[in-house]
Amino acid sequence: MTMSTHPINATLAVARTKRRGPAPTGKGVPIMIRLQPDMLAGVDQFVAEHDVSRPEAVRLIIRDWLTRH
């Protein structure tokens, strides 16, 4: 059995699939927020209109607000 056909390596290959969104930089502070259904619906509408992930949508919405204030 070669390295590439070994079951453990096959599992690792599956785990390395490309993820959506920007490449992780290791910079920034992760936060968790809870959104009420009406606010989440607004974020989801933004996601649909701009073809971005929810986290990216929240970053863009916050950045837009910060540049205006």
N, C-alpha and C. Protein backbone atom coordinates (compact mmCIF):
# COMPACT_ATOMS: atom_id res chain seq x y z
N MET A 1 0.85 -1.18 0.00
CA MET A 1 0.00 0.00 0.00
C MET A 1 0.90 1.24 0.00
N THR A 2 0.66 2.16 -0.91
CA THR A 2 1.47 3.37 -0.98
C THR A 2 0.91 4.41 -0.05
N MET A 3 1.69 5.49 0.14
CA MET A 3 1.26 6.57 1.02
C MET A 3 -0.06 7.19 0.55
N SER A 4 -0.24 7.37 -0.77
CA SER A 4 -1.43 8.04 -1.27
C SER A 4 -2.68 7.18 -1.17
N THR A 5 -2.52 5.85 -1.10
CA THR A 5 -3.69 4.98 -1.02
C THR A 5 -3.97 4.51 0.40
N HIS A 6 -3.14 4.88 1.32
CA HIS A 6 -3.36 4.50 2.72
C HIS A 6 -4.63 5.19 3.21
N PRO A 7 -5.51 4.50 3.94
CA PRO A 7 -6.78 5.09 4.40
C PRO A 7 -6.63 6.39 5.18
N ILE A 8 -5.59 6.50 5.97
CA ILE A 8 -5.40 7.73 6.74
C ILE A 8 -5.12 8.90 5.80
N ASN A 9 -4.28 8.70 4.81
CA ASN A 9 -3.97 9.76 3.86
C ASN A 9 -5.18 10.12 3.01
N ALA A 10 -6.01 9.14 2.67
CA ALA A 10 -7.23 9.43 1.91
C ALA A 10 -8.15 10.32 2.73
N THR A 11 -8.24 10.08 4.03
CA THR A 11 -9.07 10.92 4.90
C THR A 11 -8.51 12.33 4.97
N LEU A 12 -7.19 12.46 5.06
CA LEU A 12 -6.57 13.78 5.10
C LEU A 12 -6.82 14.55 3.81
N ALA A 13 -6.81 13.86 2.69
CA ALA A 13 -7.06 14.53 1.41
C ALA A 13 -8.46 15.12 1.37
N VAL A 14 -9.43 14.42 1.93
CA VAL A 14 -10.80 14.92 1.96
C VAL A 14 -10.89 16.14 2.86
N ALA A 15 -10.16 16.14 3.95
CA ALA A 15 -10.22 17.25 4.90
C ALA A 15 -9.58 18.52 4.35
N ARG A 16 -8.82 18.44 3.29
CA ARG A 16 -8.12 19.60 2.75
C ARG A 16 -8.89 20.29 1.63
N THR A 17 -10.19 20.09 1.53
CA THR A 17 -10.95 20.73 0.46
C THR A 17 -10.98 22.23 0.65
N LYS A 18 -11.14 22.96 -0.44
CA LYS A 18 -11.13 24.43 -0.41
C LYS A 18 -12.35 24.94 0.34
N ARG A 19 -12.13 25.95 1.15
CA ARG A 19 -13.22 26.57 1.91
C ARG A 19 -13.65 27.86 1.25
N ARG A 20 -14.88 28.26 1.51
CA ARG A 20 -15.38 29.54 1.02
C ARG A 20 -14.76 30.66 1.82
N GLY A 21 -14.75 31.83 1.24
CA GLY A 21 -14.29 33.01 1.95
C GLY A 21 -12.81 33.24 1.80
N PRO A 22 -12.34 34.32 2.38
CA PRO A 22 -10.93 34.66 2.26
C PRO A 22 -10.05 33.66 3.02
N ALA A 23 -8.82 33.56 2.60
CA ALA A 23 -7.88 32.68 3.28
C ALA A 23 -7.67 33.17 4.71
N PRO A 24 -7.62 32.27 5.67
CA PRO A 24 -7.39 32.71 7.05
C PRO A 24 -6.03 33.36 7.20
N THR A 25 -5.99 34.46 7.91
CA THR A 25 -4.74 35.19 8.11
C THR A 25 -4.16 34.94 9.48
N GLY A 26 -4.97 34.45 10.40
CA GLY A 26 -4.51 34.29 11.76
C GLY A 26 -4.53 35.60 12.52
N LYS A 27 -5.00 36.65 11.86
CA LYS A 27 -5.07 37.97 12.48
C LYS A 27 -6.53 38.30 12.77
N GLY A 28 -6.73 39.17 13.70
CA GLY A 28 -8.09 39.55 14.06
C GLY A 28 -8.57 38.76 15.26
N VAL A 29 -9.63 39.25 15.85
CA VAL A 29 -10.20 38.63 17.03
C VAL A 29 -11.52 37.98 16.64
N PRO A 30 -11.64 36.67 16.82
CA PRO A 30 -12.91 36.03 16.50
C PRO A 30 -13.97 36.43 17.51
N ILE A 31 -15.17 36.70 17.02
CA ILE A 31 -16.29 37.01 17.91
C ILE A 31 -17.48 36.15 17.53
N MET A 32 -18.37 35.93 18.46
CA MET A 32 -19.60 35.23 18.17
C MET A 32 -20.75 36.15 18.52
N ILE A 33 -21.71 36.26 17.63
CA ILE A 33 -22.87 37.09 17.91
C ILE A 33 -24.13 36.27 17.68
N ARG A 34 -25.20 36.65 18.34
CA ARG A 34 -26.51 36.06 18.11
C ARG A 34 -27.38 37.11 17.44
N LEU A 35 -28.07 36.70 16.40
CA LEU A 35 -28.94 37.62 15.68
C LEU A 35 -30.38 37.14 15.78
N GLN A 36 -31.27 38.07 15.98
CA GLN A 36 -32.70 37.75 15.95
C GLN A 36 -33.09 37.45 14.51
N PRO A 37 -34.18 36.70 14.31
CA PRO A 37 -34.57 36.28 12.95
C PRO A 37 -34.69 37.43 11.95
N ASP A 38 -35.24 38.58 12.37
CA ASP A 38 -35.40 39.68 11.42
C ASP A 38 -34.04 40.25 10.98
N MET A 39 -33.09 40.33 11.90
CA MET A 39 -31.77 40.83 11.54
C MET A 39 -31.02 39.82 10.69
N LEU A 40 -31.14 38.53 11.02
CA LEU A 40 -30.50 37.49 10.23
C LEU A 40 -31.08 37.45 8.82
N ALA A 41 -32.36 37.72 8.68
CA ALA A 41 -32.98 37.77 7.35
C ALA A 41 -32.34 38.89 6.52
N GLY A 42 -32.04 40.01 7.15
CA GLY A 42 -31.36 41.10 6.45
C GLY A 42 -29.96 40.72 6.02
N VAL A 43 -29.24 40.02 6.88
CA VAL A 43 -27.90 39.55 6.53
C VAL A 43 -27.98 38.55 5.38
N ASP A 44 -28.95 37.64 5.46
CA ASP A 44 -29.11 36.65 4.39
C ASP A 44 -29.50 37.29 3.06
N GLN A 45 -30.26 38.37 3.12
CA GLN A 45 -30.59 39.09 1.89
C GLN A 45 -29.32 39.71 1.29
N PHE A 46 -28.49 40.28 2.13
CA PHE A 46 -27.21 40.84 1.69
C PHE A 46 -26.35 39.75 1.07
N VAL A 47 -26.31 38.58 1.71
CA VAL A 47 -25.54 37.43 1.21
C VAL A 47 -26.00 37.06 -0.20
N ALA A 48 -27.32 36.98 -0.38
CA ALA A 48 -27.87 36.59 -1.69
C ALA A 48 -27.56 37.63 -2.76
N GLU A 49 -27.62 38.91 -2.40
CA GLU A 49 -27.39 39.98 -3.37
C GLU A 49 -25.91 40.14 -3.73
N HIS A 50 -25.00 39.79 -2.82
CA HIS A 50 -23.58 40.03 -3.04
C HIS A 50 -22.75 38.76 -3.21
N ASP A 51 -23.40 37.59 -3.11
CA ASP A 51 -22.72 36.30 -3.27
C ASP A 51 -21.48 36.19 -2.38
N VAL A 52 -21.68 36.43 -1.09
CA VAL A 52 -20.61 36.29 -0.09
C VAL A 52 -21.12 35.39 1.03
N SER A 53 -20.22 34.97 1.90
CA SER A 53 -20.61 34.16 3.06
C SER A 53 -21.22 35.06 4.13
N ARG A 54 -21.89 34.46 5.10
CA ARG A 54 -22.43 35.26 6.21
C ARG A 54 -21.35 36.04 6.94
N PRO A 55 -20.22 35.40 7.32
CA PRO A 55 -19.18 36.16 8.02
C PRO A 55 -18.66 37.33 7.18
N GLU A 56 -18.47 37.10 5.88
CA GLU A 56 -17.98 38.18 5.02
C GLU A 56 -19.03 39.28 4.92
N ALA A 57 -20.31 38.91 4.86
CA ALA A 57 -21.38 39.90 4.81
C ALA A 57 -21.36 40.77 6.06
N VAL A 58 -21.21 40.16 7.22
CA VAL A 58 -21.18 40.92 8.47
C VAL A 58 -19.97 41.86 8.47
N ARG A 59 -18.81 41.37 8.02
CA ARG A 59 -17.62 42.24 7.94
C ARG A 59 -17.87 43.43 7.02
N LEU A 60 -18.47 43.17 5.85
CA LEU A 60 -18.73 44.26 4.90
C LEU A 60 -19.75 45.26 5.44
N ILE A 61 -20.78 44.77 6.08
CA ILE A 61 -21.81 45.65 6.66
C ILE A 61 -21.19 46.53 7.75
N ILE A 62 -20.40 45.94 8.62
CA ILE A 62 -19.75 46.71 9.69
C ILE A 62 -18.77 47.72 9.10
N ARG A 63 -17.95 47.28 8.12
CA ARG A 63 -16.99 48.20 7.50
C ARG A 63 -17.71 49.39 6.86
N ASP A 64 -18.82 49.10 6.16
CA ASP A 64 -19.59 50.18 5.54
C ASP A 64 -20.12 51.16 6.58
N TRP A 65 -20.66 50.63 7.67
CA TRP A 65 -21.19 51.49 8.73
C TRP A 65 -20.08 52.33 9.35
N LEU A 66 -18.94 51.70 9.60
CA LEU A 66 -17.82 52.44 10.23
C LEU A 66 -17.29 53.56 9.33
N THR A 67 -17.25 53.33 8.03
CA THR A 67 -16.75 54.38 7.14
C THR A 67 -17.73 55.54 7.02
N ARG A 68 -18.99 55.31 7.30
CA ARG A 68 -20.00 56.37 7.23
C ARG A 68 -20.12 57.16 8.53
N HIS A 69 -19.59 56.64 9.61
CA HIS A 69 -19.77 57.31 10.92
C HIS A 69 -18.47 57.73 11.51
